C-alpha atoms as a PDB file:
ATOM      1  CA  UNK A   1      -0.633   0.106  -0.271  1.00  0.00           C
ATOM      2  CA  UNK A   2       1.217   3.769  -1.100  1.00  0.00           C
ATOM      3  CA  UNK A   3       1.669   5.731   2.201  1.00  0.00           C
ATOM      4  CA  UNK A   4       1.244   9.701   1.456  1.00  0.00           C
ATOM      5  CA  UNK A   5       2.749  12.238   3.787  1.00  0.00           C
ATOM      6  CA  UNK A   6       2.067  14.761   2.377  1.00  0.00           C
ATOM      7  CA  UNK A   7       0.890  17.480   3.942  1.00  0.00           C
ATOM      8  CA  UNK A   8      -2.866  18.383   2.474  1.00  0.00           C
ATOM      9  CA  UNK A   9      -5.584  21.125   3.777  1.00  0.00           C
ATOM     10  CA  UNK A  10      -7.949  20.338   7.303  1.00  0.00           C
ATOM     11  CA  UNK A  11     -10.617  19.769   4.570  1.00  0.00           C
ATOM     12  CA  UNK A  12      -8.703  16.698   2.375  1.00  0.00           C
ATOM     13  CA  UNK A  13      -6.883  16.099   4.922  1.00  0.00           C
ATOM     14  CA  UNK A  14     -10.068  14.946   6.887  1.00  0.00           C
ATOM     15  CA  UNK A  15     -11.577  13.065   3.538  1.00  0.00           C
ATOM     16  CA  UNK A  16      -8.144  11.330   3.916  1.00  0.00           C
ATOM     17  CA  UNK A  17      -8.784   9.628   6.304  1.00  0.00           C
ATOM     18  CA  UNK A  18     -12.874   9.277   5.916  1.00  0.00           C
ATOM     19  CA  UNK A  19     -11.380   7.487   2.833  1.00  0.00           C
ATOM     20  CA  UNK A  20      -8.672   5.406   3.814  1.00  0.00           C
ATOM     21  CA  UNK A  21     -10.855   4.747   7.289  1.00  0.00           C
ATOM     22  CA  UNK A  22     -14.131   3.425   5.066  1.00  0.00           C
ATOM     23  CA  UNK A  23     -13.246   2.449   1.683  1.00  0.00           C
ATOM     24  CA  UNK A  24     -11.081  -0.299   2.111  1.00  0.00           C
ATOM     25  CA  UNK A  25     -11.011  -2.124  -1.679  1.00  0.00           C
ATOM     26  CA  UNK A  26      -8.810   1.525  -2.558  1.00  0.00           C
ATOM     27  CA  UNK A  27      -5.350   2.661  -2.797  1.00  0.00           C
ATOM     28  CA  UNK A  28      -4.219   6.170  -2.487  1.00  0.00           C
ATOM     29  CA  UNK A  29      -1.942   6.959  -5.396  1.00  0.00           C
ATOM     30  CA  UNK A  30       0.646   9.346  -4.898  1.00  0.00           C
ATOM     31  CA  UNK A  31       0.209  11.056  -8.296  1.00  0.00           C
ATOM     32  CA  UNK A  32      -1.780  13.866  -6.135  1.00  0.00           C
ATOM     33  CA  UNK A  33       1.288  13.540  -3.588  1.00  0.00           C
ATOM     34  CA  UNK A  34       2.544  17.376  -4.273  1.00  0.00           C
ATOM     35  CA  UNK A  35      -1.148  18.880  -4.031  1.00  0.00           C
ATOM     36  CA  UNK A  36      -3.069  20.180  -0.550  1.00  0.00           C
ATOM     37  CA  UNK A  37      -6.449  20.296  -2.184  1.00  0.00           C
ATOM     38  CA  UNK A  38      -6.046  16.657  -3.604  1.00  0.00           C
ATOM     39  CA  UNK A  39      -6.661  13.375  -3.166  1.00  0.00           C
ATOM     40  CA  UNK A  40      -5.719   9.659  -5.720  1.00  0.00           C
ATOM     41  CA  UNK A  41      -7.432   6.617  -4.812  1.00  0.00           C
ATOM     42  CA  UNK A  42      -7.442   3.586  -6.718  1.00  0.00           C
ATOM     43  CA  UNK A  43      -9.494   0.820  -7.474  1.00  0.00           C
ATOM     44  CA  UNK A  44      -8.119  -2.323  -5.238  1.00  0.00           C
ATOM     45  CA  UNK A  45     -10.959  -4.672  -6.483  1.00  0.00           C
ATOM     46  CA  UNK A  46     -11.894  -3.176 -10.302  1.00  0.00           C
ATOM     47  CA  UNK A  47      -8.359  -1.771 -11.110  1.00  0.00           C
ATOM     48  CA  UNK A  48      -9.217   0.159 -14.001  1.00  0.00           C
ATOM     49  CA  UNK A  49     -10.843   2.614 -11.965  1.00  0.00           C
ATOM     50  CA  UNK A  50      -9.741   5.745 -10.424  1.00  0.00           C
ATOM     51  CA  UNK A  51     -10.844   9.097  -8.644  1.00  0.00           C
ATOM     52  CA  UNK A  52      -9.669  12.606  -8.476  1.00  0.00           C
ATOM     53  CA  UNK A  53     -10.987  14.812  -5.792  1.00  0.00           C
ATOM     54  CA  UNK A  54     -10.795  18.149  -6.258  1.00  0.00           C
ATOM     55  CA  UNK A  55     -11.692  20.504  -2.192  1.00  0.00           C
ATOM     56  CA  UNK A  56     -10.707  23.549  -3.184  1.00  0.00           C
ATOM     57  CA  UNK A  57     -14.179  24.045  -5.895  1.00  0.00           C
ATOM     58  CA  UNK A  58     -17.239  24.909  -5.059  1.00  0.00           C
ATOM     59  CA  UNK A  59     -17.984  21.952  -2.684  1.00  0.00           C
ATOM     60  CA  UNK A  60     -16.066  18.820  -3.660  1.00  0.00           C
ATOM     61  CA  UNK A  61     -14.839  17.684  -6.956  1.00  0.00           C
ATOM     62  CA  UNK A  62     -14.622  14.098  -8.425  1.00  0.00           C
ATOM     63  CA  UNK A  63     -13.240  12.817 -11.411  1.00  0.00           C
ATOM     64  CA  UNK A  64     -14.231   9.393 -12.018  1.00  0.00           C
ATOM     65  CA  UNK A  65     -12.410   7.286 -13.841  1.00  0.00           C
ATOM     66  CA  UNK A  66     -11.866   4.260 -15.772  1.00  0.00           C
ATOM     67  CA  UNK A  67      -8.762   3.671 -17.632  1.00  0.00           C
ATOM     68  CA  UNK A  68     -10.504   1.166 -20.189  1.00  0.00           C
ATOM     69  CA  UNK A  69     -12.578   4.163 -21.097  1.00  0.00           C
ATOM     70  CA  UNK A  70     -10.278   6.625 -23.927  1.00  0.00           C
ATOM     71  CA  UNK A  71     -13.186   8.639 -25.221  1.00  0.00           C
ATOM     72  CA  UNK A  72     -11.761  11.349 -22.829  1.00  0.00           C
ATOM     73  CA  UNK A  73      -8.758  12.404 -22.746  1.00  0.00           C
ATOM     74  CA  UNK A  74      -7.646  11.720 -18.532  1.00  0.00           C
ATOM     75  CA  UNK A  75     -10.957   8.672 -19.035  1.00  0.00           C
ATOM     76  CA  UNK A  76     -12.711  10.298 -17.473  1.00  0.00           C
ATOM     77  CA  UNK A  77     -16.669   8.782 -17.104  1.00  0.00           C
ATOM     78  CA  UNK A  78     -18.417  11.770 -15.014  1.00  0.00           C
ATOM     79  CA  UNK A  79     -17.007  14.794 -13.782  1.00  0.00           C
ATOM     80  CA  UNK A  80     -19.391  15.920 -10.362  1.00  0.00           C
ATOM     81  CA  UNK A  81     -19.353  17.515  -7.721  1.00  0.00           C
ATOM     82  CA  UNK A  82     -20.809  16.950  -3.648  1.00  0.00           C
ATOM     83  CA  UNK A  83     -21.533  19.285  -0.931  1.00  0.00           C
ATOM     84  CA  UNK A  84     -20.350  17.420   2.100  1.00  0.00           C
ATOM     85  CA  UNK A  85     -16.872  15.004   2.746  1.00  0.00           C
ATOM     86  CA  UNK A  86     -19.971  11.956   3.925  1.00  0.00           C
ATOM     87  CA  UNK A  87     -21.717  12.134  -0.159  1.00  0.00           C
ATOM     88  CA  UNK A  88     -18.044  12.119  -1.545  1.00  0.00           C
ATOM     89  CA  UNK A  89     -16.968   9.109   0.429  1.00  0.00           C
ATOM     90  CA  UNK A  90     -20.435   7.485  -1.046  1.00  0.00           C
ATOM     91  CA  UNK A  91     -20.194   8.847  -4.479  1.00  0.00           C
ATOM     92  CA  UNK A  92     -16.191   7.429  -4.578  1.00  0.00           C
ATOM     93  CA  UNK A  93     -16.903   3.996  -2.737  1.00  0.00           C
ATOM     94  CA  UNK A  94     -19.311   3.293  -4.963  1.00  0.00           C
ATOM     95  CA  UNK A  95     -17.491   3.387  -8.082  1.00  0.00           C
ATOM     96  CA  UNK A  96     -14.206   2.230  -6.368  1.00  0.00           C
ATOM     97  CA  UNK A  97     -15.615  -1.053  -5.438  1.00  0.00           C
ATOM     98  CA  UNK A  98     -17.956  -1.589  -8.765  1.00  0.00           C
ATOM     99  CA  UNK A  99     -20.791   0.271  -8.781  1.00  0.00           C
ATOM    100  CA  UNK A 100     -22.580   3.330 -10.525  1.00  0.00           C
ATOM    101  CA  UNK A 101     -24.812   6.136 -10.111  1.00  0.00           C
ATOM    102  CA  UNK A 102     -27.876   5.132 -10.484  1.00  0.00           C
ATOM    103  CA  UNK A 103     -28.984   6.302  -7.194  1.00  0.00           C
ATOM    104  CA  UNK A 104     -27.631  10.346  -8.092  1.00  0.00           C
ATOM    105  CA  UNK A 105     -29.080  12.702 -10.425  1.00  0.00           C
ATOM    106  CA  UNK A 106     -27.585  14.860 -13.192  1.00  0.00           C
ATOM    107  CA  UNK A 107     -24.173  12.520 -13.396  1.00  0.00           C
ATOM    108  CA  UNK A 108     -22.213  14.134 -15.903  1.00  0.00           C
ATOM    109  CA  UNK A 109     -19.130  15.318 -16.984  1.00  0.00           C
ATOM    110  CA  UNK A 110     -18.894  19.122 -16.252  1.00  0.00           C
ATOM    111  CA  UNK A 111     -18.876  19.370 -12.004  1.00  0.00           C
ATOM    112  CA  UNK A 112     -22.184  20.492 -11.720  1.00  0.00           C
ATOM    113  CA  UNK A 113     -24.055  19.202  -8.539  1.00  0.00           C
ATOM    114  CA  UNK A 114     -25.151  16.157  -7.953  1.00  0.00           C
ATOM    115  CA  UNK A 115     -27.707  14.880  -5.832  1.00  0.00           C
ATOM    116  CA  UNK A 116     -29.135  11.207  -4.174  1.00  0.00           C
ATOM    117  CA  UNK A 117     -32.536  10.735  -6.721  1.00  0.00           C
ATOM    118  CA  UNK A 118     -35.859  10.293  -3.894  1.00  0.00           C
ATOM    119  CA  UNK A 119     -36.044   6.587  -3.126  1.00  0.00           C
ATOM    120  CA  UNK A 120     -39.399   5.902  -4.648  1.00  0.00           C
ATOM    121  CA  UNK A 121     -42.222   3.694  -2.754  1.00  0.00           C
ATOM    122  CA  UNK A 122     -44.608   0.451  -4.320  1.00  0.00           C
END
């Protein structure tokens, strides 16, 4: 496992610790090592899946990448924003564990805010 030693700003370090404690099928890569507000994680369950997280946007920006997808220069499947650390952890966990984001609306490539879709009661 790759151990990071670079200092991060407070929100980024808090998110890093949350991700490390909740997502066991991910390793932090050294791709964002020199950035104070950016993190980079790769899935161990689906090694082609990777995420970039930037806490210096209006909200938290997340790039969901699949290295098998070559239609985007950075292999991005989606570039999204969320308001909370908890939403960021949930999205990163879903993506790195091999899931999809069907329970979120407005998943796109423009760093637009995404929201959980209400669960319909039957």
